[in-house]
Protein backbone atom coordinates (compact mmCIF):
# COMPACT_ATOMS: atom_id res chain seq x y z
CA MET A 1 0.00 0.00 0.00
CA SER A 2 1.36 3.36 -1.00
CA THR A 3 1.32 6.38 1.23
CA ARG A 4 1.11 9.98 0.35
CA GLU A 5 1.57 13.29 2.09
CA PRO A 6 -1.65 15.07 3.20
CA ARG A 7 -2.66 18.03 1.18
CA GLY A 8 -3.54 21.50 2.58
CA ALA A 9 -7.37 20.93 2.30
CA ASP A 10 -7.10 17.70 4.22
CA LEU A 11 -5.16 19.42 6.96
CA TRP A 12 -7.81 22.08 7.45
CA PHE A 13 -10.53 19.37 7.55
CA TRP A 14 -8.90 17.62 10.49
CA ILE A 15 -8.28 20.89 12.33
CA GLY A 16 -12.04 21.82 12.06
CA LEU A 17 -13.14 18.38 13.23
CA VAL A 18 -10.97 18.64 16.35
CA LEU A 19 -12.42 22.09 17.17
CA VAL A 20 -16.05 20.86 16.85
CA LEU A 21 -15.39 17.88 19.12
CA ALA A 22 -13.76 20.15 21.73
CA ALA A 23 -16.74 22.55 21.74
CA GLY A 24 -19.18 19.65 22.18
CA ALA A 25 -17.22 18.27 25.10
CA ALA A 26 -17.21 21.69 26.79
CA VAL A 27 -20.98 22.01 26.49
CA PHE A 28 -21.50 18.49 27.90
CA PHE A 29 -19.34 19.15 30.98
CA LEU A 30 -21.03 22.51 31.67
CA ARG A 31 -24.52 20.91 31.66
CA SER A 32 -23.33 18.05 33.83
CA ALA A 33 -22.11 20.49 36.46
CA ARG A 34 -25.56 22.13 36.70
CA GLN A 35 -27.78 19.00 36.86
CA PRO A 36 -27.39 15.98 39.16
CA ARG A 37 -26.72 12.68 37.63
CA ARG A 38 -29.46 10.05 37.67
CA PRO A 39 -28.40 7.33 40.07
CA PRO A 40 -28.17 3.79 38.83
CA PRO A 41 -31.05 1.41 39.74
CA GLY A 42 -31.07 0.36 43.37
CA VAL A 43 -28.93 3.29 44.51
CA PRO A 44 -30.78 5.82 46.73
CA SER A 45 -30.98 9.40 45.57
CA PRO A 46 -28.96 12.04 47.43
CA THR A 47 -30.81 13.98 50.13
CA SER A 48 -28.58 16.99 50.53
CA SER A 49 -30.42 20.25 51.12
CA THR A 50 -28.46 21.83 48.23
CA ILE A 51 -29.19 19.10 45.69
CA SER A 52 -32.72 18.08 44.79
CA PRO A 53 -33.06 14.28 44.97
CA TYR A 54 -34.03 12.40 41.92
CA ARG A 55 -37.66 11.21 41.79
CA GLU A 56 -39.05 8.63 39.44
CA PRO A 57 -42.04 9.99 37.50
CA ALA A 58 -45.34 8.30 38.28
CA PRO A 59 -46.22 5.54 35.81
CA ALA A 60 -48.70 6.76 33.23
CA ALA A 61 -51.04 3.78 33.83
CA SER A 62 -51.51 4.41 37.58
CA PRO A 63 -54.29 6.89 38.55
CA PRO A 64 -53.52 9.48 41.23
CA ARG A 65 -54.44 8.46 44.80
CA PRO A 66 -57.87 9.88 45.62
CA THR A 67 -58.35 12.30 48.45
CA ILE A 68 -61.12 11.52 50.97
CA PRO A 69 -63.53 14.41 51.53
CA VAL A 70 -64.55 14.94 55.16
CA PRO A 71 -68.03 16.53 55.45
CA LEU A 72 -68.59 19.46 57.75
CA GLU A 73 -71.71 17.84 59.22
CA PRO A 74 -71.93 14.29 60.62
CA GLY A 75 -73.21 11.86 58.08
CA PRO A 76 -73.04 8.31 56.79
CA ILE A 77 -69.89 6.49 55.82
CA VAL A 78 -68.04 8.35 53.04
CA ARG A 79 -67.14 6.22 50.05
CA PRO A 80 -64.59 8.04 47.81
CA PRO A 81 -64.13 6.93 44.18
CA HIS A 82 -61.40 4.35 43.85
CA SER A 83 -60.23 2.13 41.04
CA GLY A 84 -60.02 -0.92 43.26
CA GLY A 85 -62.98 -1.37 45.58
CA HIS A 86 -63.82 1.38 48.06
CA ILE A 87 -62.50 2.93 51.23
CA ASP A 88 -64.79 3.30 54.29
CA VAL A 89 -64.17 6.28 56.53
CA GLU A 90 -66.41 6.57 59.60
CA VAL A 91 -67.09 10.24 60.31
CA PRO A 92 -67.93 10.68 64.01
CA PRO A 93 -70.50 13.30 65.02
CA PRO A 94 -69.05 16.46 66.48
CA PRO A 95 -69.03 16.86 70.27
CA PRO A 96 -71.92 18.84 71.74
CA PRO A 97 -71.38 22.56 72.03
CA LYS A 98 -69.81 23.76 75.23
CA PRO A 99 -72.02 25.65 77.63
CA ALA A 100 -71.79 29.36 78.09
CA THR A 101 -68.91 30.67 80.08
CA GLY A 102 -69.21 32.27 83.49
CA MET A 103 -68.55 29.26 85.72
CA SER A 104 -65.37 28.74 87.68
CA LYS A 105 -62.43 26.96 86.05
CA GLU A 106 -62.83 24.05 88.45
CA VAL A 107 -66.50 23.51 87.58
CA ALA A 108 -65.81 24.05 83.87
CA GLY A 109 -63.14 21.36 84.00
CA LEU A 110 -65.44 18.92 85.82
CA ILE A 111 -68.25 19.54 83.32
CA ASP A 112 -65.88 19.17 80.35
CA SER A 113 -64.75 15.78 81.69
CA LEU A 114 -68.35 14.73 82.23
CA ARG A 115 -69.41 15.82 78.76
CA ASP A 116 -66.48 14.03 77.17
CA ALA A 117 -67.41 10.81 78.99
CA CYS A 118 -71.03 11.17 77.85
CA PHE A 119 -69.94 11.88 74.27
CA ARG A 120 -67.79 8.74 74.24
CA GLY A 121 -70.56 6.70 75.87
CA ASP A 122 -68.17 5.40 78.54
CA PRO A 123 -70.26 4.34 81.60
CA GLU A 124 -67.20 3.95 83.83
CA ALA A 125 -65.93 7.40 82.94
CA MET A 126 -69.41 8.89 83.44
CA THR A 127 -69.67 7.34 86.91
CA LYS A 128 -66.22 8.67 87.81
CA ALA A 129 -67.12 12.14 86.55
CA GLN A 130 -70.33 12.11 88.57
CA ARG A 131 -68.43 11.11 91.71
CA ASN A 132 -66.01 13.96 91.07
CA LEU A 133 -68.97 16.35 91.01
CA SER A 134 -70.22 14.94 94.33
CA ALA A 135 -66.77 15.29 95.84
CA PHE A 136 -66.60 18.88 94.62
CA MET A 137 -69.90 19.75 96.37
CA ASP A 138 -69.23 17.87 99.61
CA GLY A 139 -72.51 19.10 101.10
CA ASP A 140 -71.77 22.75 100.37
CA ARG A 141 -74.83 24.76 99.28
CA ALA A 142 -72.87 27.39 97.31
CA ARG A 143 -71.07 24.73 95.28
CA ALA A 144 -74.33 22.87 94.65
CA LEU A 145 -75.88 26.11 93.36
CA GLU A 146 -72.86 26.53 91.08
CA LEU A 147 -73.54 23.06 89.66
CA ILE A 148 -77.21 23.99 89.18
CA ASP A 149 -76.04 26.97 87.11
CA ALA A 150 -73.93 24.53 85.06
CA PHE A 151 -76.98 22.29 84.67
CA ARG A 152 -78.98 25.30 83.50
CA GLN A 153 -76.50 25.84 80.64
CA GLU A 154 -75.67 22.21 79.79
CA PRO A 155 -76.96 21.15 76.32
CA ASP A 156 -76.24 17.41 76.63
CA ALA A 157 -79.11 15.37 78.13
CA SER A 158 -76.84 12.64 79.56
CA ALA A 159 -74.64 15.22 81.25
CA GLN A 160 -77.75 16.90 82.66
CA GLU A 161 -78.85 13.63 84.27
CA CYS A 162 -75.38 13.08 85.76
CA ILE A 163 -75.34 16.57 87.28
CA ILE A 164 -78.79 16.06 88.80
CA GLY A 165 -77.76 12.62 90.06
CA ALA A 166 -74.70 14.07 91.77
CA ILE A 167 -76.78 16.72 93.55
CA ALA A 168 -79.55 14.29 94.52
CA SER A 169 -77.07 11.75 95.89
CA ASP A 170 -75.90 14.15 98.61
CA GLN A 171 -78.47 13.71 101.39
CA ARG A 172 -77.11 16.79 103.17
CA LEU A 173 -78.56 18.90 100.35
CA VAL A 174 -82.00 17.24 100.10
CA GLY A 175 -84.68 19.69 101.17
CA ASP A 176 -82.33 22.68 101.24
CA PRO A 177 -84.63 25.69 100.61
CA ALA A 178 -82.20 27.45 98.27
CA ILE A 179 -81.68 24.35 96.15
CA VAL A 180 -85.41 23.50 96.03
CA SER A 181 -86.12 27.11 95.03
CA ALA A 182 -83.51 26.96 92.25
CA PHE A 183 -84.99 23.77 90.81
CA LEU A 184 -88.53 25.13 91.08
CA ASP A 185 -87.45 28.17 89.11
CA LEU A 186 -85.97 25.87 86.46
CA ALA A 187 -89.11 23.73 86.33
CA GLU A 188 -91.48 26.66 86.04
CA HIS A 189 -89.51 29.12 83.93
CA GLY A 190 -86.79 27.15 82.15
CA ASP A 191 -86.38 27.55 78.40
CA ASP A 192 -85.61 23.87 77.72
CA SER A 193 -88.26 21.15 78.06
CA THR A 194 -85.80 18.37 78.95
CA ARG A 195 -84.16 20.36 81.74
CA ARG A 196 -87.58 21.29 83.13
CA ARG A 197 -88.66 17.65 83.24
CA VAL A 198 -85.43 16.47 84.90
CA ALA A 199 -85.76 19.25 87.48
CA LEU A 200 -89.31 18.11 88.31
CA LEU A 201 -88.22 14.56 89.02
CA PHE A 202 -85.50 15.89 91.32
CA LEU A 203 -88.10 17.90 93.23
CA ALA A 204 -90.22 14.80 93.85
CA ASN A 205 -87.52 13.47 96.19
CA ASN A 206 -87.60 16.49 98.49
CA PRO A 207 -89.65 17.02 101.66
CA ASP A 208 -92.57 19.43 101.56
CA PRO A 209 -93.35 20.53 105.12
CA SER A 210 -95.33 23.63 104.06
CA GLY A 211 -97.15 22.04 101.13
CA GLU A 212 -95.94 24.75 98.76
CA LEU A 213 -93.89 22.34 96.65
CA SER A 214 -96.83 20.00 95.94
CA ASP A 215 -99.07 23.01 95.16
CA ARG A 216 -96.65 24.26 92.53
CA LEU A 217 -96.23 20.78 91.06
CA ARG A 218 -100.01 20.57 90.90
CA ARG A 219 -100.23 23.84 88.98
CA LEU A 220 -97.65 22.65 86.48
CA ALA A 221 -99.52 19.37 86.00
CA ARG A 222 -102.81 21.15 85.39
CA SER A 223 -101.92 24.14 83.30
CA ASP A 224 -98.43 24.05 81.78
CA SER A 225 -98.36 24.56 78.02
CA ASP A 226 -95.83 21.74 77.50
CA PRO A 227 -97.49 18.27 77.65
CA GLY A 228 -94.12 16.68 78.49
CA VAL A 229 -93.75 18.95 81.51
CA GLN A 230 -97.32 18.14 82.55
CA VAL A 231 -96.55 14.42 82.42
CA SER A 232 -93.36 14.83 84.49
CA ALA A 233 -95.28 16.89 87.06
CA LEU A 234 -97.90 14.12 87.25
CA HIS A 235 -95.22 11.53 87.94
CA ALA A 236 -93.62 13.79 90.53
CA LEU A 237 -96.98 14.14 92.30
CA SER A 238 -97.41 10.36 92.24
CA MET A 239 -93.95 9.93 93.80
CA PHE A 240 -94.99 12.41 96.48
CA ALA A 241 -97.99 10.26 97.34
CA GLU A 242 -95.88 7.11 97.38
CA VAL A 243 -93.73 8.36 100.24
CA ARG A 244 -96.41 10.49 101.91
CA PRO A 245 -99.58 8.36 102.19
CA SER A 246 -101.45 11.30 103.73
CA LEU A 247 -101.31 13.02 100.32
CA SER A 248 -102.67 10.04 98.38
CA ALA A 249 -106.34 11.09 98.35
CA GLN A 250 -105.50 14.65 97.27
CA VAL A 251 -103.09 13.47 94.58
CA ASN A 252 -105.71 11.06 93.20
CA ARG A 253 -108.15 13.95 92.91
CA ASP A 254 -105.50 16.02 91.16
CA LEU A 255 -104.75 13.22 88.71
CA LEU A 256 -108.38 12.76 87.74
CA ASP A 257 -108.87 16.53 87.45
CA VAL A 258 -105.90 16.75 85.08
CA ALA A 259 -107.12 13.75 83.06
CA THR A 260 -110.60 15.26 82.81
CA ALA A 261 -109.35 18.65 81.62
CA ALA A 262 -106.51 17.47 79.34
CA THR A 263 -107.01 17.61 75.60
CA ASP A 264 -103.77 15.74 74.91
CA PRO A 265 -104.33 11.94 75.13
CA MET A 266 -100.75 11.46 76.33
CA VAL A 267 -101.50 13.57 79.39
CA ARG A 268 -104.74 11.68 80.09
CA THR A 269 -103.01 8.32 79.69
CA ASN A 270 -100.17 9.23 82.05
CA ALA A 271 -102.50 10.74 84.65
CA LEU A 272 -104.42 7.45 84.82
CA SER A 273 -101.29 5.30 84.66
CA VAL A 274 -100.04 6.78 87.97
CA PHE A 275 -103.51 6.92 89.58
CA ARG A 276 -103.49 4.93 92.82
CA GLY A 277 -106.47 2.64 92.28
CA ARG A 278 -106.17 1.09 95.73
CA ASP A 279 -107.00 4.50 97.22
CA ALA A 280 -109.91 5.26 94.87
CA ASP A 281 -113.23 6.17 96.43
CA ALA A 282 -116.66 5.38 94.99
CA SER A 283 -116.96 8.56 92.93
CA GLN A 284 -113.51 8.04 91.42
CA ILE A 285 -114.37 4.45 90.49
CA GLU A 286 -117.49 5.77 88.79
CA SER A 287 -115.42 8.33 86.91
CA LEU A 288 -112.86 5.75 85.80
CA GLY A 289 -115.58 3.50 84.40
CA GLY A 290 -118.18 5.98 83.21
CA ARG A 291 -115.79 8.47 81.59
CA PHE A 292 -112.35 7.07 80.92
CA LEU A 293 -113.32 3.52 79.93
CA ARG A 294 -115.28 5.27 77.15
CA ASP A 295 -112.48 7.60 76.07
CA PRO A 296 -111.90 7.72 72.29
CA GLU A 297 -108.22 6.83 72.80
CA GLY A 298 -107.44 3.16 73.39
CA ALA A 299 -104.39 3.93 75.54
CA VAL A 300 -106.56 5.98 77.90
CA ARG A 301 -109.13 3.17 78.19
CA LEU A 302 -106.37 0.68 78.86
CA SER A 303 -104.91 2.82 81.69
CA ALA A 304 -108.36 3.23 83.22
CA ALA A 305 -108.91 -0.54 83.17
CA GLU A 306 -105.56 -1.14 84.86
CA ALA A 307 -106.39 1.40 87.58
CA LEU A 308 -109.70 -0.36 88.32
CA GLY A 309 -107.82 -3.62 88.76
CA GLN A 310 -106.03 -2.18 91.82
CA VAL A 311 -109.05 -1.30 94.00
CA ARG A 312 -109.39 -2.30 97.66
CA PRO A 313 -111.62 -5.28 98.59
CA GLU A 314 -114.45 -3.02 99.80
CA ALA A 315 -114.59 -1.39 96.34
CA ARG A 316 -114.47 -4.70 94.49
CA GLY A 317 -118.15 -4.86 93.54
CA ALA A 318 -118.22 -1.37 92.00
CA ALA A 319 -115.03 -1.99 90.04
CA LEU A 320 -116.27 -5.35 88.69
CA ASN A 321 -119.52 -3.75 87.52
CA GLN A 322 -117.63 -1.02 85.65
CA LEU A 323 -115.21 -3.50 84.07
CA GLY A 324 -117.95 -5.94 83.08
CA THR A 325 -119.96 -3.20 81.38
CA ALA A 326 -116.89 -1.87 79.57
CA PHE A 327 -115.96 -5.37 78.29
CA GLY A 328 -119.25 -5.67 76.45
CA GLN A 329 -118.79 -2.24 74.82
CA GLU A 330 -115.07 -2.43 74.01
CA GLY A 331 -114.00 -3.12 70.42
CA ALA A 332 -110.19 -3.24 70.77
CA THR A 333 -108.88 -6.74 71.50
CA GLU A 334 -105.90 -5.52 73.54
CA VAL A 335 -108.08 -3.36 75.77
CA ARG A 336 -110.56 -6.24 76.25
CA ARG A 337 -107.65 -8.48 77.27
CA VAL A 338 -106.54 -5.95 79.90
CA ILE A 339 -110.13 -5.65 81.17
CA LEU A 340 -110.20 -9.41 81.74
CA MET A 341 -106.93 -9.27 83.67
CA SER A 342 -108.27 -6.39 85.78
CA ILE A 343 -111.42 -8.41 86.55
CA VAL A 344 -109.17 -11.20 87.82
CA ARG A 345 -107.03 -8.77 89.85
CA ALA A 346 -109.89 -6.83 91.39
CA GLY A 347 -112.28 -9.74 91.89
CA ARG A 348 -110.04 -12.62 92.93
CA ALA A 349 -112.51 -15.36 93.88
CA ASP A 350 -115.44 -13.08 93.01
CA ALA A 351 -114.14 -12.72 89.46
CA ARG A 352 -115.79 -16.02 88.47
CA ALA A 353 -119.31 -14.63 88.69
CA THR A 354 -118.42 -11.66 86.48
CA LEU A 355 -116.62 -13.86 83.93
CA GLU A 356 -119.54 -16.29 83.73
CA ARG A 357 -121.86 -13.37 83.02
CA LEU A 358 -119.57 -12.23 80.18
CA LEU A 359 -119.12 -15.67 78.59
CA PRO A 360 -122.26 -15.72 76.34
CA THR A 361 -121.33 -12.41 74.66
CA ALA A 362 -117.54 -12.72 74.72
CA GLY A 363 -117.31 -13.36 70.96
CA ALA A 364 -113.67 -13.66 69.85
CA MET A 365 -112.56 -13.60 73.50
CA THR A 366 -114.64 -16.63 74.49
CA GLU A 367 -111.57 -18.87 74.76
CA ASP A 368 -109.85 -16.33 77.03
CA VAL A 369 -112.84 -16.11 79.35
CA ARG A 370 -113.05 -19.91 79.56
CA ASP A 371 -109.34 -20.14 80.34
CA TYR A 372 -109.73 -17.82 83.31
CA LEU A 373 -112.80 -19.69 84.54
CA GLU A 374 -110.98 -23.02 84.35
CA ILE A 375 -107.90 -21.69 86.16
CA LEU A 376 -110.04 -20.09 88.89
CA GLY A 377 -111.92 -23.38 89.09
CA THR A 378 -108.76 -25.07 90.35
CA GLY A 379 -109.02 -22.97 93.51
CA GLU A 380 -106.22 -20.57 92.58
CA THR A 381 -107.22 -16.98 93.34
CA ASN A 382 -103.87 -15.21 93.47
CA PRO A 383 -104.16 -12.78 90.55
CA ASP A 384 -100.50 -13.01 89.50
CA ALA A 385 -100.60 -16.83 89.51
CA VAL A 386 -103.87 -16.91 87.53
CA ILE A 387 -102.58 -14.50 84.89
CA GLN A 388 -99.28 -16.38 84.62
CA ALA A 389 -101.14 -19.66 84.11
CA LYS A 390 -103.17 -18.01 81.36
CA ALA A 391 -99.97 -16.83 79.69
CA VAL A 392 -98.63 -20.40 79.75
CA ARG A 393 -101.77 -21.61 77.98
CA ASP A 394 -101.46 -18.89 75.35
CA ALA A 395 -97.83 -19.83 74.72
CA ALA A 396 -98.76 -23.49 74.29
CA ARG A 397 -101.38 -22.60 71.67
CA GLU A 398 -98.79 -20.58 69.76
CA GLY A 399 -96.47 -23.59 69.53
CA GLY A 400 -94.67 -23.47 72.86
CA PRO A 401 -94.40 -26.40 75.26
CA ALA A 402 -97.71 -27.40 76.86
CA PRO A 403 -97.89 -26.93 80.63
CA PRO A 404 -97.89 -30.14 82.70
CA PRO A 405 -101.38 -31.22 83.84
CA GLY A 406 -102.50 -29.73 87.14
CA THR A 407 -99.89 -26.90 87.17
CA GLU A 408 -101.85 -24.15 85.36
CA GLY A 409 -102.56 -22.24 88.57
CA HIS A 410 -99.00 -22.31 89.94
């Protein structure tokens, strides 16, 4: 192979090529100094504060992770859109609003702990918080009145009950005139129905040496514009009579007066449900049968029948006459069933004569009347035992085990 000397054009060609390659290398090194190098696979990226770490771009096929909206109001489980199934997020309801300020820091802290326990539904924590309230009072009237102010502002019903329970549990404060007056003011002039009703039940456990407390409860039962408050006042009056037998006759008159005047059937029903039938006189028995056993509301008739089943032995004949008459006129099966039970309770051994008189016109209740007659025929006259034996027979007819022979009255 022959060789030759390079010509001038060739020389300039090689010089230009070298210059181009040098310029390209300079540009490459300048760019490399400004940008970090991508690390090889498996090598972690640098984390220096002066150098931004390398991050792999998200694969194009993968959707972005959804965000879970949290509603401002409590609601059902939130199900955000998701490519693979769904995500359940339970949104708890917000805690009840805190009461108005104005109480001492100590009381505010005790009430906050109580409200938190009620919000979480933790019975052990609620009991502990209530005991802390009792320990805070320690029989002191001023501290009890401070808790009553907290009760007056408390929006949570469970916390209200705990505050009342703490005050009522301290026997040193029962009957205190200032505390009774504070609760009476709440019951009569409070702006919240629930607090008024809870206050009334607290008052029922206090002594009433002057009679003023029962008079004011009576006025609430008769004329308050809130039927729920009327009902609570009725129950408070009944509790009064339970522990003060001397008030029983007066309270019975009050209950029938309220039931007679009430336009709300709930009030009438509750007045009769706490009526003390064992203390009813002849005129009240007549009213229970002649008026309330004919009430348009079935619940009222049922309560009247139950009250007549509680009468004393000397009023037995009058009660049986009223119940027997009402049975023939009653169209509701459930009320007729209660009338039969009240005949058994009021009449005992004398119930047989009334039941035999009803048998020919008993209609769909013929089997029930015969059951009672057969059970009474065994010599059993204890009302609870007779009614229990009847329940056993009913259960057997509905597919339950049949009672052993000879045990229906036991």
